[in-house]
Protein backbone atom coordinates (compact mmCIF):
# COMPACT_ATOMS: atom_id res chain seq x y z
CA MET A 1 70.90 -42.15 -155.90
CA ALA A 2 74.01 -40.95 -154.96
CA ALA A 3 74.26 -38.88 -151.75
CA ALA A 4 77.30 -36.88 -152.86
CA ALA A 5 75.29 -35.79 -156.09
CA ILE A 6 72.29 -35.06 -154.40
CA MET A 7 74.12 -32.80 -152.07
CA SER A 8 76.04 -30.98 -154.78
CA ARG A 9 72.83 -30.47 -156.79
CA ARG A 10 71.17 -29.15 -153.54
CA ALA A 11 73.90 -26.92 -152.87
CA CYS A 12 74.00 -25.32 -156.16
CA GLN A 13 70.23 -25.08 -156.69
CA THR A 14 69.61 -23.45 -152.92
CA HIS A 15 71.92 -20.42 -152.99
CA LEU A 16 71.57 -19.22 -156.45
CA PRO A 17 70.22 -15.76 -156.83
CA LEU A 18 67.54 -15.28 -159.30
CA ARG A 19 69.37 -13.49 -161.92
CA PHE A 20 71.78 -16.16 -162.28
CA PHE A 21 69.10 -19.07 -163.21
CA SER A 22 69.45 -18.17 -167.18
CA SER A 23 72.75 -19.80 -166.92
CA LEU A 24 71.80 -23.23 -165.73
CA THR A 25 71.35 -26.16 -168.23
CA LEU A 26 69.60 -29.40 -167.97
CA SER A 27 71.93 -32.39 -166.78
CA PRO A 28 72.51 -35.00 -169.69
CA ALA A 29 70.88 -37.61 -167.66
CA VAL A 30 67.80 -35.71 -167.25
CA ARG A 31 67.73 -33.97 -170.55
CA SER A 32 67.80 -37.44 -172.10
CA SER A 33 64.65 -38.52 -170.06
CA SER A 34 62.69 -35.52 -170.73
CA ALA A 35 61.42 -33.89 -173.95
CA THR A 36 63.91 -35.39 -176.16
CA SER A 37 62.83 -39.04 -175.09
CA SER A 38 61.38 -41.20 -177.40
CA SER A 39 59.85 -43.80 -174.62
CA PRO A 40 56.60 -44.73 -176.17
CA ASN A 41 55.15 -45.98 -172.93
CA LEU A 42 54.06 -44.31 -169.45
CA ASN A 43 55.81 -46.61 -166.78
CA LEU A 44 56.24 -46.02 -163.07
CA ASP A 45 57.69 -49.43 -162.64
CA ASP A 46 61.45 -48.49 -162.26
CA THR A 47 60.91 -46.15 -159.33
CA GLU A 48 64.85 -45.92 -159.04
CA LYS A 49 64.94 -44.12 -162.35
CA LEU A 50 61.82 -42.56 -161.94
CA TYR A 51 63.16 -40.43 -158.94
CA ALA A 52 66.68 -40.00 -159.71
CA SER A 53 66.60 -36.20 -160.26
CA VAL A 54 64.73 -35.86 -156.78
CA PRO A 55 66.75 -35.57 -153.71
CA THR A 56 66.52 -38.25 -150.93
CA GLY A 57 65.55 -35.73 -148.22
CA ASP A 58 62.91 -34.11 -150.47
CA LEU A 59 61.47 -37.59 -150.86
CA LEU A 60 61.27 -38.37 -147.41
CA SER A 61 59.75 -34.88 -146.31
CA SER A 62 57.14 -35.51 -148.75
CA LEU A 63 56.34 -39.01 -147.86
CA GLY A 64 55.96 -37.86 -144.21
CA LEU A 65 53.71 -34.92 -144.90
CA LEU A 66 51.52 -37.25 -147.32
CA TYR A 67 51.16 -40.11 -144.89
CA THR A 68 50.06 -37.24 -142.38
CA MET A 69 47.54 -35.71 -144.62
CA ALA A 70 45.89 -39.18 -145.36
CA VAL A 71 44.85 -39.29 -141.88
CA GLY A 72 41.51 -37.85 -141.90
CA PRO A 73 41.18 -36.86 -138.23
CA ALA A 74 44.57 -35.09 -138.39
CA VAL A 75 43.37 -33.20 -141.44
CA ASP A 76 40.10 -32.36 -140.10
CA LEU A 77 41.67 -30.87 -137.02
CA GLY A 78 44.14 -28.72 -139.13
CA MET A 79 41.53 -27.35 -141.32
CA ALA A 80 39.50 -26.71 -138.15
CA VAL A 81 42.33 -24.71 -136.67
CA MET A 82 42.89 -22.68 -139.98
CA ARG A 83 39.25 -21.73 -140.28
CA SER A 84 38.73 -20.64 -136.63
CA PRO A 85 38.07 -16.93 -136.13
CA ALA A 86 38.63 -17.96 -132.34
CA VAL A 87 42.31 -18.76 -133.34
CA MET A 88 43.17 -16.84 -136.51
CA GLU A 89 41.93 -13.51 -134.98
CA LYS A 90 44.34 -13.84 -132.16
CA ARG A 91 47.88 -12.34 -132.98
CA LEU A 92 49.91 -15.10 -131.34
CA LEU A 93 47.91 -17.88 -132.13
CA ARG A 94 47.73 -16.97 -135.47
CA ALA A 95 51.53 -16.36 -135.81
CA ALA A 96 52.15 -19.82 -134.24
CA VAL A 97 49.54 -21.77 -136.82
CA VAL A 98 51.15 -19.63 -139.74
CA GLY A 99 54.53 -21.01 -138.55
CA VAL A 100 53.66 -24.37 -138.36
CA VAL A 101 51.87 -24.14 -141.88
CA ARG A 102 54.88 -22.83 -143.48
CA ARG A 103 57.14 -25.46 -142.26
CA THR A 104 54.58 -28.42 -143.19
CA VAL A 105 51.88 -27.83 -146.09
CA TYR A 106 52.93 -24.59 -147.43
CA ARG A 107 56.55 -25.92 -148.16
CA GLN A 108 54.92 -29.10 -149.55
CA PHE A 109 52.37 -27.69 -152.14
CA CYS A 110 53.80 -23.87 -152.34
CA ALA A 111 57.05 -22.27 -154.10
CA GLY A 112 57.59 -19.33 -151.54
CA GLU A 113 56.95 -16.19 -150.56
CA ASP A 114 59.09 -13.60 -152.77
CA ALA A 115 60.75 -13.82 -156.55
CA GLY A 116 63.96 -15.19 -154.82
CA GLU A 117 62.44 -18.31 -153.54
CA VAL A 118 60.03 -18.83 -156.32
CA GLY A 119 63.11 -18.77 -158.63
CA ARG A 120 65.11 -21.36 -156.79
CA ARG A 121 62.10 -23.62 -156.66
CA LEU A 122 61.25 -23.28 -160.33
CA GLY A 123 64.99 -23.65 -161.04
CA ARG A 124 65.04 -26.94 -159.17
CA LEU A 125 61.91 -28.20 -161.28
CA TRP A 126 63.67 -26.80 -164.53
CA GLU A 127 66.84 -28.98 -163.95
CA SER A 128 64.64 -32.04 -163.27
CA GLY A 129 62.92 -31.34 -166.70
CA LEU A 130 59.52 -30.20 -165.40
CA ARG A 131 58.12 -26.79 -166.21
CA ALA A 132 56.07 -24.64 -163.87
CA ILE A 133 52.45 -22.88 -164.16
CA VAL A 134 53.16 -19.83 -161.95
CA ASN A 135 50.13 -18.68 -159.86
CA TYR A 136 50.22 -15.68 -157.56
CA GLY A 137 47.90 -17.14 -154.78
CA MET A 138 45.31 -14.49 -154.43
CA GLU A 139 41.78 -15.07 -154.30
CA ASP A 140 38.47 -13.38 -153.35
CA ALA A 141 38.82 -9.58 -153.68
CA GLU A 142 36.48 -7.61 -151.63
CA ASP A 143 36.28 -4.67 -153.68
CA ASP A 144 37.74 -2.80 -156.52
CA THR A 145 40.82 -1.62 -154.50
CA ALA A 146 41.71 -5.00 -153.69
CA SER A 147 40.96 -6.16 -157.30
CA ASP A 148 43.74 -3.47 -158.62
CA ARG A 149 46.25 -4.44 -156.09
CA ASN A 150 45.94 -8.25 -157.14
CA LEU A 151 46.25 -7.37 -160.83
CA ALA A 152 49.53 -5.56 -159.85
CA GLY A 153 50.74 -8.81 -158.31
CA PHE A 154 49.43 -10.97 -161.34
CA VAL A 155 51.36 -8.72 -163.60
CA LYS A 156 54.40 -8.34 -161.59
CA THR A 157 54.31 -12.47 -161.67
CA VAL A 158 54.31 -12.39 -165.51
CA GLU A 159 57.24 -9.50 -165.58
CA MET A 160 59.07 -11.99 -163.02
CA THR A 161 59.13 -15.07 -165.34
CA ALA A 162 61.21 -13.16 -167.93
CA GLU A 163 64.00 -13.71 -165.12
CA MET A 164 63.53 -17.58 -164.89
CA PRO A 165 65.47 -19.83 -167.14
CA PRO A 166 64.06 -20.14 -170.59
CA ASP A 167 61.00 -22.15 -171.29
CA SER A 168 60.93 -22.94 -167.49
CA VAL A 169 57.51 -21.41 -167.10
CA SER A 170 54.79 -22.75 -169.43
CA PHE A 171 51.93 -20.62 -168.16
CA ALA A 172 50.66 -18.00 -165.71
CA CYS A 173 47.52 -18.36 -164.24
CA VAL A 174 44.75 -16.32 -162.69
CA LYS A 175 41.55 -16.21 -160.81
CA ILE A 176 39.03 -14.04 -161.93
CA THR A 177 37.47 -13.95 -158.12
CA ALA A 178 40.78 -11.94 -157.50
CA ILE A 179 40.49 -9.23 -159.90
CA CYS A 180 36.75 -8.74 -159.73
CA PRO A 181 34.44 -8.59 -156.54
CA ILE A 182 32.54 -11.63 -155.91
CA PRO A 183 29.18 -10.00 -155.48
CA LEU A 184 29.37 -8.86 -158.98
CA LEU A 185 30.60 -12.33 -160.48
CA GLU A 186 27.25 -13.93 -158.53
CA ARG A 187 25.09 -11.25 -160.08
CA ILE A 188 26.48 -11.72 -163.84
CA SER A 189 26.14 -15.60 -163.31
CA ASP A 190 22.46 -15.19 -162.07
CA LEU A 191 21.59 -13.11 -165.24
CA LEU A 192 23.52 -15.59 -167.42
CA ARG A 193 21.43 -18.34 -166.13
CA TRP A 194 18.28 -16.75 -166.50
CA GLU A 195 19.28 -15.57 -169.96
CA LYS A 196 19.82 -19.25 -170.82
CA LYS A 197 16.61 -20.45 -169.49
CA HIS A 198 14.58 -17.46 -171.08
CA PRO A 199 16.38 -16.71 -174.28
CA SER A 200 14.14 -13.45 -174.96
CA PHE A 201 15.90 -12.25 -171.66
CA HIS A 202 18.23 -9.43 -172.90
CA LEU A 203 21.25 -8.35 -171.10
CA PRO A 204 22.13 -4.68 -172.57
CA TRP A 205 25.66 -4.81 -170.99
CA LYS A 206 26.64 -8.01 -172.38
CA ARG A 207 29.91 -8.05 -174.65
CA PRO A 208 30.64 -10.76 -177.30
CA SER A 209 31.51 -14.11 -175.73
CA LEU A 210 31.13 -17.65 -176.80
CA PRO A 211 28.14 -19.95 -175.62
CA ILE A 212 28.61 -20.67 -171.88
CA LEU A 213 25.79 -22.94 -170.42
CA THR A 214 24.02 -25.82 -172.01
CA ASN A 215 20.65 -27.46 -171.44
CA PHE A 216 22.23 -29.95 -169.43
CA SER A 217 23.35 -27.18 -166.93
CA LEU A 218 21.85 -26.51 -163.61
CA LEU A 219 19.71 -23.47 -164.04
CA HIS A 220 17.94 -23.33 -160.91
CA HIS A 221 18.68 -20.04 -159.51
CA PRO A 222 17.83 -17.22 -158.97
CA LEU A 223 14.19 -18.35 -159.04
CA PRO A 224 12.39 -14.85 -159.49
CA ALA A 225 13.42 -12.87 -162.58
CA PRO A 226 16.43 -10.52 -161.85
CA PRO A 227 16.43 -7.04 -163.27
CA PRO A 228 18.41 -7.32 -166.51
CA SER A 229 20.12 -4.14 -166.54
CA LEU A 230 22.93 -3.48 -164.16
CA THR A 231 23.26 -0.34 -161.90
CA SER A 232 25.50 2.48 -163.19
CA GLU A 233 28.10 1.10 -160.23
CA GLU A 234 27.77 -2.27 -161.32
CA GLU A 235 28.48 -1.62 -165.00
CA LEU A 236 31.47 0.47 -163.87
CA GLN A 237 32.75 -2.34 -161.82
CA LEU A 238 32.22 -4.90 -164.64
CA GLN A 239 34.02 -2.51 -166.99
CA LEU A 240 36.94 -2.27 -164.88
CA ALA A 241 36.87 -6.22 -164.23
CA HIS A 242 37.23 -6.61 -168.00
CA SER A 243 39.81 -4.15 -168.33
CA ARG A 244 42.07 -5.79 -165.55
CA LEU A 245 41.60 -9.17 -167.42
CA LEU A 246 42.37 -7.64 -170.59
CA THR A 247 45.45 -5.77 -169.13
CA LEU A 248 46.84 -9.04 -167.93
CA CYS A 249 46.22 -10.96 -171.14
CA LYS A 250 48.15 -7.98 -172.98
CA ARG A 251 51.08 -8.45 -171.04
CA CYS A 252 51.30 -12.20 -171.32
CA ALA A 253 50.86 -11.68 -175.21
CA GLU A 254 53.75 -9.44 -174.95
CA SER A 255 55.90 -12.08 -173.16
CA ASN A 256 54.47 -14.97 -175.17
CA LEU A 257 53.27 -16.59 -172.43
CA PRO A 258 49.71 -18.24 -172.21
CA LEU A 259 47.49 -17.51 -169.39
CA LEU A 260 45.07 -20.06 -167.70
CA VAL A 261 41.89 -18.90 -166.08
CA ASP A 262 41.22 -21.07 -163.16
CA ALA A 263 37.55 -22.43 -162.82
CA GLU A 264 35.97 -21.98 -159.68
CA TYR A 265 32.57 -22.74 -157.73
CA ALA A 266 29.13 -22.88 -159.56
CA SER A 267 27.74 -19.34 -158.12
CA VAL A 268 30.38 -17.44 -160.00
CA GLN A 269 31.51 -19.94 -162.61
CA PRO A 270 29.15 -18.71 -165.67
CA ALA A 271 30.62 -15.06 -165.24
CA ILE A 272 34.17 -16.47 -165.04
CA GLU A 273 33.38 -18.04 -168.36
CA TYR A 274 32.03 -15.19 -169.94
CA MET A 275 34.76 -13.26 -169.10
CA THR A 276 37.29 -15.92 -170.30
CA TYR A 277 35.22 -16.23 -173.74
CA SER A 278 35.29 -12.70 -174.08
CA ALA A 279 39.29 -12.17 -173.81
CA ALA A 280 39.73 -15.42 -175.97
CA LEU A 281 38.03 -13.87 -178.73
CA GLU A 282 40.35 -10.73 -178.69
CA PHE A 283 43.69 -12.49 -177.96
CA ASN A 284 43.43 -15.77 -179.55
CA THR A 285 43.39 -14.72 -183.19
CA THR A 286 46.84 -14.12 -183.84
CA ALA A 287 47.72 -16.51 -186.57
CA GLU A 288 51.65 -16.75 -186.21
CA ARG A 289 51.08 -18.29 -182.69
CA ARG A 290 50.17 -22.05 -182.75
CA ARG A 291 48.70 -21.89 -179.57
CA PRO A 292 46.30 -19.41 -177.70
CA ILE A 293 47.02 -16.87 -175.18
CA VAL A 294 43.83 -17.21 -173.07
CA TYR A 295 43.13 -20.81 -171.81
CA GLY A 296 39.79 -21.66 -169.92
CA THR A 297 39.12 -24.38 -167.44
CA MET A 298 36.62 -27.35 -167.42
CA GLN A 299 36.02 -29.12 -164.37
CA CYS A 300 35.06 -32.57 -165.41
CA TYR A 301 33.25 -33.53 -162.16
CA LEU A 302 30.37 -31.31 -163.25
CA LYS A 303 27.71 -33.13 -165.20
CA ASP A 304 27.75 -30.91 -168.00
CA ALA A 305 31.18 -30.44 -168.66
CA LYS A 306 31.48 -32.27 -171.80
CA GLU A 307 28.55 -30.55 -173.38
CA ARG A 308 29.95 -27.18 -172.47
CA LEU A 309 33.41 -28.11 -173.51
CA VAL A 310 31.89 -29.24 -177.18
CA GLN A 311 29.81 -26.15 -177.40
CA ALA A 312 32.76 -23.81 -176.70
CA VAL A 313 35.12 -25.35 -178.70
CA GLU A 314 32.75 -25.62 -181.79
CA ALA A 315 31.78 -21.85 -181.43
CA ALA A 316 35.53 -20.98 -181.32
CA GLU A 317 36.18 -23.08 -184.41
CA SER A 318 32.90 -21.20 -186.11
CA ALA A 319 34.69 -17.78 -184.96
CA GLY A 320 38.05 -18.61 -186.33
CA ILE A 321 39.86 -18.43 -183.02
CA SER A 322 42.23 -21.16 -181.49
CA ILE A 323 40.85 -22.23 -177.90
CA GLY A 324 42.59 -23.94 -174.97
CA PHE A 325 41.42 -25.39 -172.22
CA LYS A 326 42.77 -26.88 -168.83
CA LEU A 327 40.87 -29.82 -167.79
CA VAL A 328 40.52 -30.84 -164.17
CA ARG A 329 38.60 -33.05 -162.18
CA GLY A 330 37.56 -30.16 -159.79
CA ALA A 331 38.10 -28.79 -156.19
CA TYR A 332 34.84 -27.60 -154.79
CA LEU A 333 33.33 -30.95 -154.08
CA SER A 334 32.08 -29.89 -150.52
CA ARG A 335 30.91 -26.37 -151.41
CA GLU A 336 28.76 -27.81 -154.31
CA SER A 337 27.15 -30.37 -152.46
CA VAL A 338 26.45 -27.90 -149.68
CA LEU A 339 24.81 -25.13 -152.31
CA ALA A 340 22.76 -27.65 -153.79
CA LYS A 341 21.35 -29.15 -150.83
CA SER A 342 20.71 -25.83 -149.79
CA LEU A 343 18.40 -24.91 -152.81
CA GLY A 344 16.71 -28.41 -152.81
CA VAL A 345 18.39 -29.45 -156.05
CA ALA A 346 20.46 -32.17 -157.50
CA SER A 347 23.90 -32.00 -157.20
CA PRO A 348 25.64 -30.46 -160.31
CA ILE A 349 28.60 -33.17 -159.76
CA HIS A 350 28.65 -36.69 -161.23
CA GLU A 351 27.01 -39.19 -158.52
CA THR A 352 30.12 -41.43 -158.46
CA ILE A 353 33.85 -41.23 -158.93
CA GLU A 354 33.82 -43.81 -161.98
CA GLU A 355 31.50 -41.19 -163.76
CA THR A 356 33.99 -38.45 -162.95
CA HIS A 357 36.65 -40.46 -164.32
CA ASN A 358 34.87 -41.48 -167.64
CA CYS A 359 33.97 -37.39 -168.03
CA TYR A 360 37.35 -36.64 -167.69
CA ASN A 361 38.84 -38.98 -170.22
CA ASP A 362 35.95 -38.30 -172.74
CA CYS A 363 37.03 -34.81 -172.63
CA ALA A 364 40.51 -35.28 -173.05
CA ALA A 365 39.98 -37.85 -175.93
CA PHE A 366 37.78 -35.09 -177.58
CA MET A 367 40.68 -31.94 -177.03
CA LEU A 368 43.23 -34.30 -178.44
CA GLU A 369 40.90 -35.24 -181.49
CA ARG A 370 40.36 -31.45 -181.94
CA MET A 371 44.03 -30.64 -182.01
CA LEU A 372 44.34 -32.70 -185.22
CA LYS A 373 42.26 -29.92 -186.74
CA GLY A 374 44.48 -27.15 -185.32
CA SER A 375 41.87 -25.37 -183.62
CA ALA A 376 42.70 -26.66 -179.96
CA SER A 377 45.26 -26.53 -177.33
CA VAL A 378 44.68 -28.62 -173.81
CA VAL A 379 46.21 -28.83 -170.59
CA LEU A 380 45.68 -32.37 -169.22
CA ALA A 381 45.92 -31.62 -165.19
CA THR A 382 45.39 -34.89 -163.78
CA HIS A 383 46.94 -36.90 -160.68
CA ASN A 384 44.93 -40.07 -161.88
CA PHE A 385 47.52 -42.50 -163.39
CA ASP A 386 44.81 -44.20 -165.66
CA SER A 387 43.90 -40.82 -167.01
CA GLY A 388 47.38 -40.14 -167.78
CA ARG A 389 48.39 -43.33 -169.29
CA ALA A 390 44.99 -43.12 -171.51
CA ALA A 391 45.82 -39.89 -172.54
CA ALA A 392 49.45 -40.47 -173.53
CA ALA A 393 48.16 -43.47 -175.62
CA LYS A 394 45.43 -41.62 -177.29
CA ALA A 395 48.08 -38.84 -178.29
CA GLU A 396 50.50 -41.39 -179.85
CA GLU A 397 47.61 -43.24 -181.63
CA LEU A 398 46.50 -39.94 -183.08
CA GLY A 399 50.44 -39.23 -183.86
CA ILE A 400 50.58 -35.75 -181.72
CA GLY A 401 54.23 -35.10 -181.34
CA LYS A 402 55.21 -34.94 -177.62
CA GLY A 403 57.31 -31.84 -178.39
CA ASP A 404 53.99 -30.07 -179.32
CA GLN A 405 53.31 -27.30 -177.16
CA ARG A 406 49.63 -27.35 -177.76
CA LEU A 407 49.55 -30.71 -175.60
CA GLN A 408 50.63 -30.36 -172.04
CA PHE A 409 50.28 -32.41 -168.94
CA ALA A 410 50.45 -30.96 -165.33
CA GLN A 411 49.99 -31.84 -161.67
CA LEU A 412 50.00 -29.53 -158.47
CA MET A 413 53.41 -28.93 -156.80
CA GLY A 414 53.54 -31.44 -153.97
CA MET A 415 50.85 -33.83 -155.42
CA GLY A 416 51.15 -36.46 -158.30
CA ASP A 417 54.92 -36.44 -158.41
CA GLY A 418 55.44 -40.05 -159.61
CA LEU A 419 53.17 -39.13 -162.44
CA SER A 420 54.62 -35.88 -163.53
CA LEU A 421 58.08 -37.79 -163.52
CA GLY A 422 56.60 -40.73 -165.49
CA LEU A 423 55.04 -38.52 -168.12
CA ARG A 424 58.54 -36.85 -168.33
CA ASN A 425 60.34 -39.65 -168.81
CA ALA A 426 57.88 -40.94 -171.70
CA GLY A 427 58.79 -37.48 -173.36
CA PHE A 428 55.71 -35.27 -172.63
CA GLN A 429 55.62 -31.70 -171.96
CA VAL A 430 54.96 -31.49 -168.22
CA SER A 431 54.28 -28.72 -165.77
CA LYS A 432 53.83 -28.35 -162.12
CA TYR A 433 51.11 -25.79 -160.82
CA VAL A 434 53.12 -23.64 -158.53
CA PRO A 435 51.39 -21.35 -156.17
CA PHE A 436 53.33 -18.41 -154.49
CA GLY A 437 52.63 -15.74 -152.27
CA PRO A 438 52.52 -15.12 -148.36
CA VAL A 439 51.52 -17.82 -146.34
CA GLU A 440 48.32 -16.07 -144.98
CA GLN A 441 47.58 -15.32 -148.45
CA VAL A 442 47.45 -18.81 -149.86
CA ILE A 443 45.74 -20.61 -147.01
CA PRO A 444 42.51 -21.12 -148.75
CA TYR A 445 44.52 -22.81 -151.47
CA LEU A 446 46.30 -25.11 -148.82
CA LEU A 447 42.83 -25.84 -147.46
CA ARG A 448 41.49 -27.26 -150.60
CA ARG A 449 44.57 -29.21 -150.93
CA ALA A 450 44.05 -30.74 -147.70
CA GLN A 451 40.44 -31.55 -148.54
CA GLU A 452 41.51 -33.14 -151.76
CA ASN A 453 43.87 -35.32 -149.91
CA ARG A 454 41.30 -36.86 -147.69
CA GLY A 455 38.21 -36.64 -149.88
CA PHE A 456 37.29 -38.68 -152.90
CA LEU A 457 39.66 -37.04 -155.02
CA SER A 458 42.71 -38.18 -152.83
CA THR A 459 45.75 -38.53 -154.99
CA SER A 460 48.68 -39.02 -152.41
CA THR A 461 48.29 -43.08 -152.40
CA LEU A 462 50.07 -43.36 -155.50
CA ASP A 463 52.82 -41.28 -154.65
CA ARG A 464 53.18 -42.83 -151.01
CA GLN A 465 53.36 -46.23 -152.72
CA LEU A 466 56.01 -45.37 -155.39
CA ILE A 467 58.25 -43.64 -152.59
CA MET A 468 57.92 -46.62 -150.23
CA SER A 469 59.26 -48.99 -153.04
CA LEU A 470 62.55 -47.09 -153.57
CA LYS A 471 65.23 -49.39 -151.75
CA GLU A 472 67.17 -46.42 -150.57
CA GLY A 473 64.33 -45.05 -149.08
CA LEU A 474 63.17 -48.04 -147.26
CA LYS A 475 66.59 -48.03 -145.70
CA LEU A 476 66.61 -44.71 -144.37
CA LEU A 477 63.18 -45.26 -142.93
CA LEU A 478 64.12 -48.57 -141.20
């Protein structure tokens, strides 16, 4: 990497205001290695070529943080501090913690706090041949007031993408827990589990949706039969939550920007899927669109993931709508284990990482095969090189064009960059999942990233090895 070229690129990208990004164009070198490439293989061996579009300073900064986050005790200490009421409830201590977080993990995994910062970060991604899945980092609304406030932020995010470089944003993203109070999602999930366990159990408030649970799903709670009817307050809350999601879907449809609905933890996931599928029935029917507006998310570390995926896709085909899924391994391992143990039941998560890998690869192959029928779209969100390579090979075997927007690969910002760039160089459509918002707002997200980097889903090893193999990077470190 030529230092002068890097400095020139950085200077242009750092100071341009948002309104000028639409005038940027991909450099010939990057353009030839991205969507227009005909390279048939996913190859990470030539690291000089792989990281040619990444400034050396960014590589070294990323390398240092990834090494730090691979040290278990250091991560445990950081997580304990961010979760400590004794620290975070004291103004000065909280300000100090937030300052450190902003300069380290926030910079690595998030795009910024406002539209200007986000636009500059997305401009840099776009110039390197990568797109963005933008996520306004709000979670866990306490009540309807917070839900309404969060919805306004999500809608503003969709509107903001119109100012970005054309095609630089591939998806918007939302967490249902940000637009619907969690106690209601837990109540709806309990009722849906009970309905699956007892088919005669009638839910008078239920809207048309796709099937959610299977006989393989854990239907362990609640143990006593819950009242099937919602209170008048709960019904109003549910109507408002549906309305918020539909408002966001409508705005995405007007912008022709698909919406990814994130998956979350088991105690609320059935309700999330119920609302997602209900919205899909309404918005995924437009014939002129090749891919759906509403995408769900399937967490493949769950034992019932493949069965639920097949069931939903087949039901969507029968209903005559398109269906889209983001496939992930999952990010709530500790939470699910604690919940299962507290209930005295088996964990809903696969017993081994190999079983999770196999489930992910099976689900990916199934979705790619369904693409041939024209009924499905998929975002393969993975940091695992073997899964990326297997999916790329399967797509080529099936003759799926690399420019087909129904097939997207994705990795989190700050993680899996080597895989992202390798898939880009092979010609596939690749996006980075880009959260943004005030630092304190996205701390829950950052805690999950820290947990992933030290847990069995750790993904930083490959990135560290690839960066360290760069000759110039090694010289700078010595």
